[in-house]
């Protein structure tokens, strides 16, 4: 699968089409799972490259600056989703802001 990604930016659709031409039916879910599993191999030092994601698509890289930029973007998106979740739960009245006195173990 790595050969479909390469070291130049490609969109997910480009990668899926190239794989399809070789008889590989790469569904969206399969693609996301592949990227996740491949990057776990990077964490375990089993591979030397990481699949980065950016505005231009995806690519394989061992450039630490590109990897850091990619994970910073992921962190930003994750925090944004958590903030949206929090705001929606508050709007639904599902979040109670409870303060506790930990010394007395009482709700204030």
PDB file of N, CA and C in Angstrom:
ATOM      1  N   UNK A   1       0.824  -1.198   0.000  1.00  0.00           N
ATOM      2  CA  UNK A   1       0.000   0.000   0.000  1.00  0.00           C
ATOM      3  C   UNK A   1       0.862   1.254   0.000  1.00  0.00           C
ATOM      4  N   UNK A   2       2.054   1.155   0.611  1.00  0.00           N
ATOM      5  CA  UNK A   2       2.924   2.321   0.697  1.00  0.00           C
ATOM      6  C   UNK A   2       3.260   2.875  -0.688  1.00  0.00           C
ATOM      7  N   UNK A   3       3.348   2.001  -1.677  1.00  0.00           N
ATOM      8  CA  UNK A   3       3.717   2.463  -3.024  1.00  0.00           C
ATOM      9  C   UNK A   3       2.669   3.386  -3.635  1.00  0.00           C
ATOM     10  N   UNK A   4       1.435   3.278  -3.181  1.00  0.00           N
ATOM     11  CA  UNK A   4       0.386   4.160  -3.698  1.00  0.00           C
ATOM     12  C   UNK A   4       0.470   5.549  -3.072  1.00  0.00           C
ATOM     13  N   UNK A   5       1.069   5.637  -1.904  1.00  0.00           N
ATOM     14  CA  UNK A   5       1.164   6.929  -1.220  1.00  0.00           C
ATOM     15  C   UNK A   5       2.368   7.701  -1.739  1.00  0.00           C
ATOM     16  N   UNK A   6       3.565   7.170  -1.548  1.00  0.00           N
ATOM     17  CA  UNK A   6       4.771   7.804  -2.048  1.00  0.00           C
ATOM     18  C   UNK A   6       5.198   9.015  -1.242  1.00  0.00           C
ATOM     19  N   UNK A   7       6.253   9.658  -1.721  1.00  0.00           N
ATOM     20  CA  UNK A   7       6.823  10.792  -0.991  1.00  0.00           C
ATOM     21  C   UNK A   7       6.333  12.143  -1.523  1.00  0.00           C
ATOM     22  N   UNK A   8       5.453  12.124  -2.505  1.00  0.00           N
ATOM     23  CA  UNK A   8       4.831  13.344  -3.009  1.00  0.00           C
ATOM     24  C   UNK A   8       3.381  13.378  -2.540  1.00  0.00           C
ATOM     25  N   UNK A   9       2.867  14.584  -2.344  1.00  0.00           N
ATOM     26  CA  UNK A   9       1.491  14.733  -1.875  1.00  0.00           C
ATOM     27  C   UNK A   9       0.518  14.123  -2.874  1.00  0.00           C
ATOM     28  N   UNK A  10      -0.435  13.345  -2.348  1.00  0.00           N
ATOM     29  CA  UNK A  10      -1.529  12.791  -3.145  1.00  0.00           C
ATOM     30  C   UNK A  10      -2.801  12.879  -2.323  1.00  0.00           C
ATOM     31  N   UNK A  11      -3.892  13.121  -3.012  1.00  0.00           N
ATOM     32  CA  UNK A  11      -5.167  13.124  -2.305  1.00  0.00           C
ATOM     33  C   UNK A  11      -5.580  11.688  -2.030  1.00  0.00           C
ATOM     34  N   UNK A  12      -6.485  11.538  -1.089  1.00  0.00           N
ATOM     35  CA  UNK A  12      -7.003  10.213  -0.763  1.00  0.00           C
ATOM     36  C   UNK A  12      -7.638   9.582  -1.997  1.00  0.00           C
ATOM     37  N   UNK A  13      -8.365  10.373  -2.784  1.00  0.00           N
ATOM     38  CA  UNK A  13      -9.016   9.843  -3.983  1.00  0.00           C
ATOM     39  C   UNK A  13      -7.991   9.354  -5.002  1.00  0.00           C
ATOM     40  N   UNK A  14      -6.888  10.077  -5.157  1.00  0.00           N
ATOM     41  CA  UNK A  14      -5.838   9.636  -6.079  1.00  0.00           C
ATOM     42  C   UNK A  14      -5.290   8.277  -5.637  1.00  0.00           C
ATOM     43  N   UNK A  15      -5.058   8.131  -4.362  1.00  0.00           N
ATOM     44  CA  UNK A  15      -4.519   6.880  -3.828  1.00  0.00           C
ATOM     45  C   UNK A  15      -5.511   5.746  -4.038  1.00  0.00           C
ATOM     46  N   UNK A  16      -6.774   5.986  -3.751  1.00  0.00           N
ATOM     47  CA  UNK A  16      -7.808   4.959  -3.902  1.00  0.00           C
ATOM     48  C   UNK A  16      -7.954   4.546  -5.366  1.00  0.00           C
ATOM     49  N   UNK A  17      -7.906   5.513  -6.283  1.00  0.00           N
ATOM     50  CA  UNK A  17      -8.020   5.211  -7.715  1.00  0.00           C
ATOM     51  C   UNK A  17      -6.827   4.388  -8.195  1.00  0.00           C
ATOM     52  N   UNK A  18      -5.619   4.760  -7.783  1.00  0.00           N
ATOM     53  CA  UNK A  18      -4.431   4.001  -8.182  1.00  0.00           C
ATOM     54  C   UNK A  18      -4.499   2.564  -7.674  1.00  0.00           C
ATOM     55  N   UNK A  19      -4.940   2.389  -6.446  1.00  0.00           N
ATOM     56  CA  UNK A  19      -5.064   1.040  -5.892  1.00  0.00           C
ATOM     57  C   UNK A  19      -6.134   0.253  -6.645  1.00  0.00           C
ATOM     58  N   UNK A  20      -7.232   0.910  -6.977  1.00  0.00           N
ATOM     59  CA  UNK A  20      -8.329   0.260  -7.702  1.00  0.00           C
ATOM     60  C   UNK A  20      -7.876  -0.236  -9.072  1.00  0.00           C
ATOM     61  N   UNK A  21      -7.020   0.547  -9.741  1.00  0.00           N
ATOM     62  CA  UNK A  21      -6.493   0.142 -11.050  1.00  0.00           C
ATOM     63  C   UNK A  21      -5.681  -1.145 -10.953  1.00  0.00           C
ATOM     64  N   UNK A  22      -5.123  -1.397  -9.779  1.00  0.00           N
ATOM     65  CA  UNK A  22      -4.352  -2.628  -9.552  1.00  0.00           C
ATOM     66  C   UNK A  22      -5.207  -3.730  -8.928  1.00  0.00           C
ATOM     67  N   UNK A  23      -6.512  -3.519  -8.905  1.00  0.00           N
ATOM     68  CA  UNK A  23      -7.419  -4.544  -8.399  1.00  0.00           C
ATOM     69  C   UNK A  23      -7.634  -4.524  -6.894  1.00  0.00           C
ATOM     70  N   UNK A  24      -7.210  -3.451  -6.240  1.00  0.00           N
ATOM     71  CA  UNK A  24      -7.393  -3.331  -4.784  1.00  0.00           C
ATOM     72  C   UNK A  24      -8.545  -2.371  -4.525  1.00  0.00           C
ATOM     73  N   UNK A  25      -9.595  -2.892  -3.925  1.00  0.00           N
ATOM     74  CA  UNK A  25     -10.758  -2.066  -3.607  1.00  0.00           C
ATOM     75  C   UNK A  25     -10.554  -1.477  -2.215  1.00  0.00           C
ATOM     76  N   UNK A  26     -10.092  -0.256  -2.181  1.00  0.00           N
ATOM     77  CA  UNK A  26      -9.710   0.410  -0.944  1.00  0.00           C
ATOM     78  C   UNK A  26     -10.828   1.344  -0.501  1.00  0.00           C
ATOM     79  N   UNK A  27     -11.667   0.851   0.401  1.00  0.00           N
ATOM     80  CA  UNK A  27     -12.759   1.669   0.924  1.00  0.00           C
ATOM     81  C   UNK A  27     -12.215   2.703   1.899  1.00  0.00           C
ATOM     82  N   UNK A  28     -12.998   3.728   2.137  1.00  0.00           N
ATOM     83  CA  UNK A  28     -12.624   4.821   3.051  1.00  0.00           C
ATOM     84  C   UNK A  28     -12.206   4.296   4.420  1.00  0.00           C
ATOM     85  N   UNK A  29     -12.996   3.398   4.982  1.00  0.00           N
ATOM     86  CA  UNK A  29     -12.705   2.859   6.309  1.00  0.00           C
ATOM     87  C   UNK A  29     -11.398   2.073   6.318  1.00  0.00           C
ATOM     88  N   UNK A  30     -11.190   1.295   5.271  1.00  0.00           N
ATOM     89  CA  UNK A  30      -9.962   0.505   5.143  1.00  0.00           C
ATOM     90  C   UNK A  30      -8.758   1.442   5.051  1.00  0.00           C
ATOM     91  N   UNK A  31      -8.921   2.527   4.303  1.00  0.00           N
ATOM     92  CA  UNK A  31      -7.842   3.499   4.161  1.00  0.00           C
ATOM     93  C   UNK A  31      -7.475   4.119   5.513  1.00  0.00           C
ATOM     94  N   UNK A  32      -8.475   4.575   6.261  1.00  0.00           N
ATOM     95  CA  UNK A  32      -8.214   5.194   7.568  1.00  0.00           C
ATOM     96  C   UNK A  32      -7.529   4.210   8.518  1.00  0.00           C
ATOM     97  N   UNK A  33      -7.985   2.958   8.501  1.00  0.00           N
ATOM     98  CA  UNK A  33      -7.386   1.932   9.355  1.00  0.00           C
ATOM     99  C   UNK A  33      -5.943   1.655   8.938  1.00  0.00           C
ATOM    100  N   UNK A  34      -5.676   1.630   7.627  1.00  0.00           N
ATOM    101  CA  UNK A  34      -4.317   1.411   7.158  1.00  0.00           C
ATOM    102  C   UNK A  34      -3.392   2.518   7.655  1.00  0.00           C
ATOM    103  N   UNK A  35      -3.822   3.773   7.513  1.00  0.00           N
ATOM    104  CA  UNK A  35      -2.998   4.910   7.958  1.00  0.00           C
ATOM    105  C   UNK A  35      -2.733   4.807   9.450  1.00  0.00           C
ATOM    106  N   UNK A  36      -3.763   4.511  10.220  1.00  0.00           N
ATOM    107  CA  UNK A  36      -3.604   4.384  11.673  1.00  0.00           C
ATOM    108  C   UNK A  36      -2.620   3.265  12.017  1.00  0.00           C
ATOM    109  N   UNK A  37      -2.791   2.108  11.402  1.00  0.00           N
ATOM    110  CA  UNK A  37      -1.912   0.970  11.696  1.00  0.00           C
ATOM    111  C   UNK A  37      -0.476   1.228  11.244  1.00  0.00           C
ATOM    112  N   UNK A  38      -0.323   1.879  10.099  1.00  0.00           N
ATOM    113  CA  UNK A  38       1.015   2.168   9.597  1.00  0.00           C
ATOM    114  C   UNK A  38       1.744   3.121  10.541  1.00  0.00           C
ATOM    115  N   UNK A  39       1.048   4.153  10.984  1.00  0.00           N
ATOM    116  CA  UNK A  39       1.684   5.126  11.873  1.00  0.00           C
ATOM    117  C   UNK A  39       1.986   4.529  13.251  1.00  0.00           C
ATOM    118  N   UNK A  40       1.209   3.537  13.666  1.00  0.00           N
ATOM    119  CA  UNK A  40       1.547   2.817  14.902  1.00  0.00           C
ATOM    120  C   UNK A  40       2.871   2.092  14.738  1.00  0.00           C
ATOM    121  N   UNK A  41       3.144   1.588  13.546  1.00  0.00           N
ATOM    122  CA  UNK A  41       4.433   0.941  13.276  1.00  0.00           C
ATOM    123  C   UNK A  41       5.572   1.948  13.414  1.00  0.00           C
ATOM    124  N   UNK A  42       5.322   3.185  13.013  1.00  0.00           N
ATOM    125  CA  UNK A  42       6.325   4.240  13.178  1.00  0.00           C
ATOM    126  C   UNK A  42       6.597   4.478  14.664  1.00  0.00           C
ATOM    127  N   UNK A  43       5.530   4.515  15.453  1.00  0.00           N
ATOM    128  CA  UNK A  43       5.694   4.725  16.895  1.00  0.00           C
ATOM    129  C   UNK A  43       6.564   3.635  17.510  1.00  0.00           C
ATOM    130  N   UNK A  44       6.409   2.406  17.003  1.00  0.00           N
ATOM    131  CA  UNK A  44       7.161   1.261  17.537  1.00  0.00           C
ATOM    132  C   UNK A  44       8.516   1.091  16.854  1.00  0.00           C
ATOM    133  N   UNK A  45       8.873   2.031  15.986  1.00  0.00           N
ATOM    134  CA  UNK A  45      10.146   2.014  15.248  1.00  0.00           C
ATOM    135  C   UNK A  45      10.274   0.802  14.327  1.00  0.00           C
ATOM    136  N   UNK A  46       9.150   0.358  13.782  1.00  0.00           N
ATOM    137  CA  UNK A  46       9.153  -0.756  12.837  1.00  0.00           C
ATOM    138  C   UNK A  46       9.312  -0.271  11.399  1.00  0.00           C
ATOM    139  N   UNK A  47       8.979   0.994  11.155  1.00  0.00           N
ATOM    140  CA  UNK A  47       9.163   1.620   9.850  1.00  0.00           C
ATOM    141  C   UNK A  47       9.831   2.980  10.061  1.00  0.00           C
ATOM    142  N   UNK A  48      10.479   3.480   9.016  1.00  0.00           N
ATOM    143  CA  UNK A  48      11.199   4.756   9.116  1.00  0.00           C
ATOM    144  C   UNK A  48      10.393   5.954   8.627  1.00  0.00           C
ATOM    145  N   UNK A  49       9.224   5.704   8.075  1.00  0.00           N
ATOM    146  CA  UNK A  49       8.406   6.792   7.541  1.00  0.00           C
ATOM    147  C   UNK A  49       7.062   6.848   8.244  1.00  0.00           C
ATOM    148  N   UNK A  50       6.445   8.004   8.146  1.00  0.00           N
ATOM    149  CA  UNK A  50       5.161   8.297   8.782  1.00  0.00           C
ATOM    150  C   UNK A  50       4.238   8.821   7.698  1.00  0.00           C
ATOM    151  N   UNK A  51       2.974   8.463   7.743  1.00  0.00           N
ATOM    152  CA  UNK A  51       2.011   9.006   6.782  1.00  0.00           C
ATOM    153  C   UNK A  51       1.468  10.300   7.361  1.00  0.00           C
ATOM    154  N   UNK A  52       1.859  11.421   6.743  1.00  0.00           N
ATOM    155  CA  UNK A  52       1.365  12.720   7.202  1.00  0.00           C
ATOM    156  C   UNK A  52       0.132  13.092   6.395  1.00  0.00           C
ATOM    157  N   UNK A  53      -0.690  13.925   6.986  1.00  0.00           N
ATOM    158  CA  UNK A  53      -1.911  14.402   6.344  1.00  0.00           C
ATOM    159  C   UNK A  53      -1.901  15.916   6.414  1.00  0.00           C
ATOM    160  N   UNK A  54      -2.220  16.544   5.305  1.00  0.00           N
ATOM    161  CA  UNK A  54      -2.271  18.000   5.260  1.00  0.00           C
ATOM    162  C   UNK A  54      -3.279  18.462   4.233  1.00  0.00           C
ATOM    163  N   UNK A  55      -3.285  19.747   3.963  1.00  0.00           N
ATOM    164  CA  UNK A  55      -4.234  20.312   2.997  1.00  0.00           C
ATOM    165  C   UNK A  55      -4.065  19.734   1.607  1.00  0.00           C
ATOM    166  N   UNK A  56      -2.847  19.290   1.286  1.00  0.00           N
ATOM    167  CA  UNK A  56      -2.568  18.753  -0.051  1.00  0.00           C
ATOM    168  C   UNK A  56      -2.870  17.259  -0.160  1.00  0.00           C
ATOM    169  N   UNK A  57      -3.159  16.630   0.956  1.00  0.00           N
ATOM    170  CA  UNK A  57      -3.462  15.204   0.935  1.00  0.00           C
ATOM    171  C   UNK A  57      -2.599  14.438   1.914  1.00  0.00           C
ATOM    172  N   UNK A  58      -2.024  13.347   1.418  1.00  0.00           N
ATOM    173  CA  UNK A  58      -1.211  12.457   2.244  1.00  0.00           C
ATOM    174  C   UNK A  58       0.130  12.231   1.576  1.00  0.00           C
ATOM    175  N   UNK A  59       1.131  11.875   2.384  1.00  0.00           N
ATOM    176  CA  UNK A  59       2.401  11.436   1.838  1.00  0.00           C
ATOM    177  C   UNK A  59       3.203  10.735   2.915  1.00  0.00           C
ATOM    178  N   UNK A  60       4.147   9.921   2.475  1.00  0.00           N
ATOM    179  CA  UNK A  60       5.079   9.250   3.379  1.00  0.00           C
ATOM    180  C   UNK A  60       6.279  10.148   3.579  1.00  0.00           C
ATOM    181  N   UNK A  61       6.719  10.286   4.815  1.00  0.00           N
ATOM    182  CA  UNK A  61       7.889  11.117   5.071  1.00  0.00           C
ATOM    183  C   UNK A  61       8.643  10.629   6.295  1.00  0.00           C
ATOM    184  N   UNK A  62       9.916  10.937   6.312  1.00  0.00           N
ATOM    185  CA  UNK A  62      10.708  10.718   7.517  1.00  0.00           C
ATOM    186  C   UNK A  62      11.203  12.063   8.059  1.00  0.00           C
ATOM    187  N   UNK A  63      10.753  13.158   7.422  1.00  0.00           N
ATOM    188  CA  UNK A  63      11.129  14.512   7.830  1.00  0.00           C
ATOM    189  C   UNK A  63      10.399  14.868   9.123  1.00  0.00           C
ATOM    190  N   UNK A  64      11.158  15.065  10.177  1.00  0.00           N
ATOM    191  CA  UNK A  64      10.559  15.312  11.489  1.00  0.00           C
ATOM    192  C   UNK A  64       9.737  16.595  11.529  1.00  0.00           C
ATOM    193  N   UNK A  65      10.142  17.618  10.776  1.00  0.00           N
ATOM    194  CA  UNK A  65       9.376  18.865  10.752  1.00  0.00           C
ATOM    195  C   UNK A  65       7.995  18.650  10.130  1.00  0.00           C
ATOM    196  N   UNK A  66       7.929  17.850   9.072  1.00  0.00           N
ATOM    197  CA  UNK A  66       6.631  17.550   8.448  1.00  0.00           C
ATOM    198  C   UNK A  66       5.754  16.722   9.384  1.00  0.00           C
ATOM    199  N   UNK A  67       6.373  15.792  10.090  1.00  0.00           N
ATOM    200  CA  UNK A  67       5.611  14.963  11.022  1.00  0.00           C
ATOM    201  C   UNK A  67       5.065  15.818  12.157  1.00  0.00           C
ATOM    202  N   UNK A  68       5.893  16.697  12.708  1.00  0.00           N
ATOM    203  CA  UNK A  68       5.457  17.567  13.802  1.00  0.00           C
ATOM    204  C   UNK A  68       4.328  18.481  13.329  1.00  0.00           C
ATOM    205  N   UNK A  69       4.454  19.035  12.124  1.00  0.00           N
ATOM    206  CA  UNK A  69       3.391  19.900  11.591  1.00  0.00           C
ATOM    207  C   UNK A  69       2.081  19.126  11.463  1.00  0.00           C
ATOM    208  N   UNK A  70       2.162  17.891  11.019  1.00  0.00           N
ATOM    209  CA  UNK A  70       0.970  17.064  10.850  1.00  0.00           C
ATOM    210  C   UNK A  70       0.313  16.755  12.189  1.00  0.00           C
ATOM    211  N   UNK A  71       1.112  16.390  13.185  1.00  0.00           N
ATOM    212  CA  UNK A  71       0.507  16.045  14.476  1.00  0.00           C
ATOM    213  C   UNK A  71       0.017  17.281  15.226  1.00  0.00           C
ATOM    214  N   UNK A  72       0.635  18.435  14.976  1.00  0.00           N
ATOM    215  CA  UNK A  72       0.122  19.673  15.580  1.00  0.00           C
ATOM    216  C   UNK A  72      -1.264  19.982  15.025  1.00  0.00           C
ATOM    217  N   UNK A  73      -1.441  19.767  13.723  1.00  0.00           N
ATOM    218  CA  UNK A  73      -2.747  19.985  13.105  1.00  0.00           C
ATOM    219  C   UNK A  73      -3.770  19.004  13.683  1.00  0.00           C
ATOM    220  N   UNK A  74      -3.366  17.759  13.878  1.00  0.00           N
ATOM    221  CA  UNK A  74      -4.269  16.761  14.466  1.00  0.00           C
ATOM    222  C   UNK A  74      -4.683  17.175  15.869  1.00  0.00           C
ATOM    223  N   UNK A  75      -3.730  17.675  16.641  1.00  0.00           N
ATOM    224  CA  UNK A  75      -4.030  18.114  18.007  1.00  0.00           C
ATOM    225  C   UNK A  75      -5.019  19.275  17.987  1.00  0.00           C
ATOM    226  N   UNK A  76      -4.799  20.216  17.086  1.00  0.00           N
ATOM    227  CA  UNK A  76      -5.689  21.374  16.980  1.00  0.00           C
ATOM    228  C   UNK A  76      -7.114  20.924  16.646  1.00  0.00           C
ATOM    229  N   UNK A  77      -7.234  19.987  15.695  1.00  0.00           N
ATOM    230  CA  UNK A  77      -8.560  19.491  15.323  1.00  0.00           C
ATOM    231  C   UNK A  77      -9.208  18.741  16.483  1.00  0.00           C
ATOM    232  N   UNK A  78      -8.405  17.955  17.215  1.00  0.00           N
ATOM    233  CA  UNK A  78      -8.940  17.194  18.349  1.00  0.00           C
ATOM    234  C   UNK A  78      -9.464  18.134  19.432  1.00  0.00           C
ATOM    235  N   UNK A  79      -8.696  19.161  19.758  1.00  0.00           N
ATOM    236  CA  UNK A  79      -9.128  20.110  20.777  1.00  0.00           C
ATOM    237  C   UNK A  79     -10.372  20.870  20.335  1.00  0.00           C
ATOM    238  N   UNK A  80     -10.450  21.204  19.052  1.00  0.00           N
ATOM    239  CA  UNK A  80     -11.622  21.886  18.517  1.00  0.00           C
ATOM    240  C   UNK A  80     -12.868  20.993  18.655  1.00  0.00           C
ATOM    241  N   UNK A  81     -12.725  19.703  18.366  1.00  0.00           N
ATOM    242  CA  UNK A  81     -13.848  18.781  18.512  1.00  0.00           C
ATOM    243  C   UNK A  81     -14.270  18.652  19.973  1.00  0.00           C
ATOM    244  N   UNK A  82     -13.306  18.592  20.887  1.00  0.00           N
ATOM    245  CA  UNK A  82     -13.645  18.531  22.308  1.00  0.00           C
ATOM    246  C   UNK A  82     -14.386  19.784  22.763  1.00  0.00           C
ATOM    247  N   UNK A  83     -13.956  20.943  22.269  1.00  0.00           N
ATOM    248  CA  UNK A  83     -14.627  22.195  22.620  1.00  0.00           C
ATOM    249  C   UNK A  83     -16.072  22.183  22.096  1.00  0.00           C
ATOM    250  N   UNK A  84     -16.262  21.732  20.838  1.00  0.00           N
ATOM    251  CA  UNK A  84     -17.620  21.668  20.264  1.00  0.00           C
ATOM    252  C   UNK A  84     -18.491  20.705  21.053  1.00  0.00           C
ATOM    253  N   UNK A  85     -17.913  19.581  21.456  1.00  0.00           N
ATOM    254  CA  UNK A  85     -18.657  18.611  22.269  1.00  0.00           C
ATOM    255  C   UNK A  85     -19.096  19.258  23.574  1.00  0.00           C
ATOM    256  N   UNK A  86     -18.183  19.928  24.234  1.00  0.00           N
ATOM    257  CA  UNK A  86     -18.475  20.569  25.509  1.00  0.00           C
ATOM    258  C   UNK A  86     -19.581  21.604  25.355  1.00  0.00           C
ATOM    259  N   UNK A  87     -19.485  22.432  24.324  1.00  0.00           N
ATOM    260  CA  UNK A  87     -20.488  23.483  24.117  1.00  0.00           C
ATOM    261  C   UNK A  87     -21.862  22.886  23.830  1.00  0.00           C
ATOM    262  N   UNK A  88     -21.902  21.809  23.053  1.00  0.00           N
ATOM    263  CA  UNK A  88     -23.174  21.167  22.732  1.00  0.00           C
ATOM    264  C   UNK A  88     -23.778  20.522  23.973  1.00  0.00           C
ATOM    265  N   UNK A  89     -22.957  19.854  24.773  1.00  0.00           N
ATOM    266  CA  UNK A  89     -23.459  19.242  26.007  1.00  0.00           C
ATOM    267  C   UNK A  89     -23.994  20.306  26.954  1.00  0.00           C
ATOM    268  N   UNK A  90     -23.320  21.451  27.039  1.00  0.00           N
ATOM    269  CA  UNK A  90     -23.817  22.543  27.873  1.00  0.00           C
ATOM    270  C   UNK A  90     -25.160  23.039  27.359  1.00  0.00           C
ATOM    271  N   UNK A  91     -25.285  23.172  26.030  1.00  0.00           N
ATOM    272  CA  UNK A  91     -26.542  23.640  25.443  1.00  0.00           C
ATOM    273  C   UNK A  91     -27.674  22.655  25.717  1.00  0.00           C
ATOM    274  N   UNK A  92     -27.354  21.379  25.794  1.00  0.00           N
ATOM    275  CA  UNK A  92     -28.363  20.360  26.083  1.00  0.00           C
ATOM    276  C   UNK A  92     -28.670  20.248  27.570  1.00  0.00           C
ATOM    277  N   UNK A  93     -27.910  20.988  28.379  1.00  0.00           N
ATOM    278  CA  UNK A  93     -28.115  20.928  29.820  1.00  0.00           C
ATOM    279  C   UNK A  93     -27.579  19.649  30.436  1.00  0.00           C
ATOM    280  N   UNK A  94     -26.659  18.994  29.751  1.00  0.00           N
ATOM    281  CA  UNK A  94     -26.131  17.716  30.232  1.00  0.00           C
ATOM    282  C   UNK A  94     -24.837  17.858  31.023  1.00  0.00           C
ATOM    283  N   UNK A  95     -24.327  19.070  31.100  1.00  0.00           N
ATOM    284  CA  UNK A  95     -23.080  19.268  31.825  1.00  0.00           C
ATOM    285  C   UNK A  95     -23.388  20.089  33.063  1.00  0.00           C
ATOM    286  N   UNK A  96     -23.118  19.502  34.201  1.00  0.00           N
ATOM    287  CA  UNK A  96     -23.281  20.219  35.466  1.00  0.00           C
ATOM    288  C   UNK A  96     -21.906  20.622  35.943  1.00  0.00           C
ATOM    289  N   UNK A  97     -21.751  21.880  36.233  1.00  0.00           N
ATOM    290  CA  UNK A  97     -20.490  22.343  36.787  1.00  0.00           C
ATOM    291  C   UNK A  97     -20.569  22.196  38.301  1.00  0.00           C
ATOM    292  N   UNK A  98     -19.947  21.156  38.788  1.00  0.00           N
ATOM    293  CA  UNK A  98     -19.982  20.867  40.216  1.00  0.00           C
ATOM    294  C   UNK A  98     -18.623  21.198  40.816  1.00  0.00           C
ATOM    295  N   UNK A  99     -18.652  21.945  41.915  1.00  0.00           N
ATOM    296  CA  UNK A  99     -17.421  22.229  42.636  1.00  0.00           C
ATOM    297  C   UNK A  99     -17.418  21.397  43.898  1.00  0.00           C
ATOM    298  N   UNK A 100     -16.253  20.838  44.180  1.00  0.00           N
ATOM    299  CA  UNK A 100     -16.149  20.006  45.380  1.00  0.00           C
ATOM    300  C   UNK A 100     -15.029  20.503  46.272  1.00  0.00           C
ATOM    301  N   UNK A 101     -15.273  20.431  47.565  1.00  0.00           N
ATOM    302  CA  UNK A 101     -14.234  20.685  48.543  1.00  0.00           C
ATOM    303  C   UNK A 101     -13.603  19.325  48.830  1.00  0.00           C
ATOM    304  N   UNK A 102     -12.393  19.110  48.310  1.00  0.00           N
ATOM    305  CA  UNK A 102     -11.760  17.805  48.431  1.00  0.00           C
ATOM    306  C   UNK A 102     -11.321  17.488  49.851  1.00  0.00           C
ATOM    307  N   UNK A 103     -11.073  18.510  50.649  1.00  0.00           N
ATOM    308  CA  UNK A 103     -10.683  18.256  52.045  1.00  0.00           C
ATOM    309  C   UNK A 103     -11.900  17.771  52.848  1.00  0.00           C
ATOM    310  N   UNK A 104     -13.038  18.388  52.629  1.00  0.00           N
ATOM    311  CA  UNK A 104     -14.249  18.036  53.364  1.00  0.00           C
ATOM    312  C   UNK A 104     -15.116  17.007  52.617  1.00  0.00           C
ATOM    313  N   UNK A 105     -14.754  16.739  51.367  1.00  0.00           N
ATOM    314  CA  UNK A 105     -15.523  15.836  50.520  1.00  0.00           C
ATOM    315  C   UNK A 105     -16.991  16.236  50.470  1.00  0.00           C
ATOM    316  N   UNK A 106     -17.229  17.519  50.209  1.00  0.00           N
ATOM    317  CA  UNK A 106     -18.570  18.054  50.124  1.00  0.00           C
ATOM    318  C   UNK A 106     -18.759  18.767  48.784  1.00  0.00           C
ATOM    319  N   UNK A 107     -19.994  18.757  48.322  1.00  0.00           N
ATOM    320  CA  UNK A 107     -20.331  19.534  47.133  1.00  0.00           C
ATOM    321  C   UNK A 107     -20.664  20.937  47.606  1.00  0.00           C
ATOM    322  N   UNK A 108     -20.069  21.915  47.003  1.00  0.00           N
ATOM    323  CA  UNK A 108     -20.242  23.320  47.393  1.00  0.00           C
ATOM    324  C   UNK A 108     -21.378  23.937  46.594  1.00  0.00           C
TER     325      UNK A 108
END
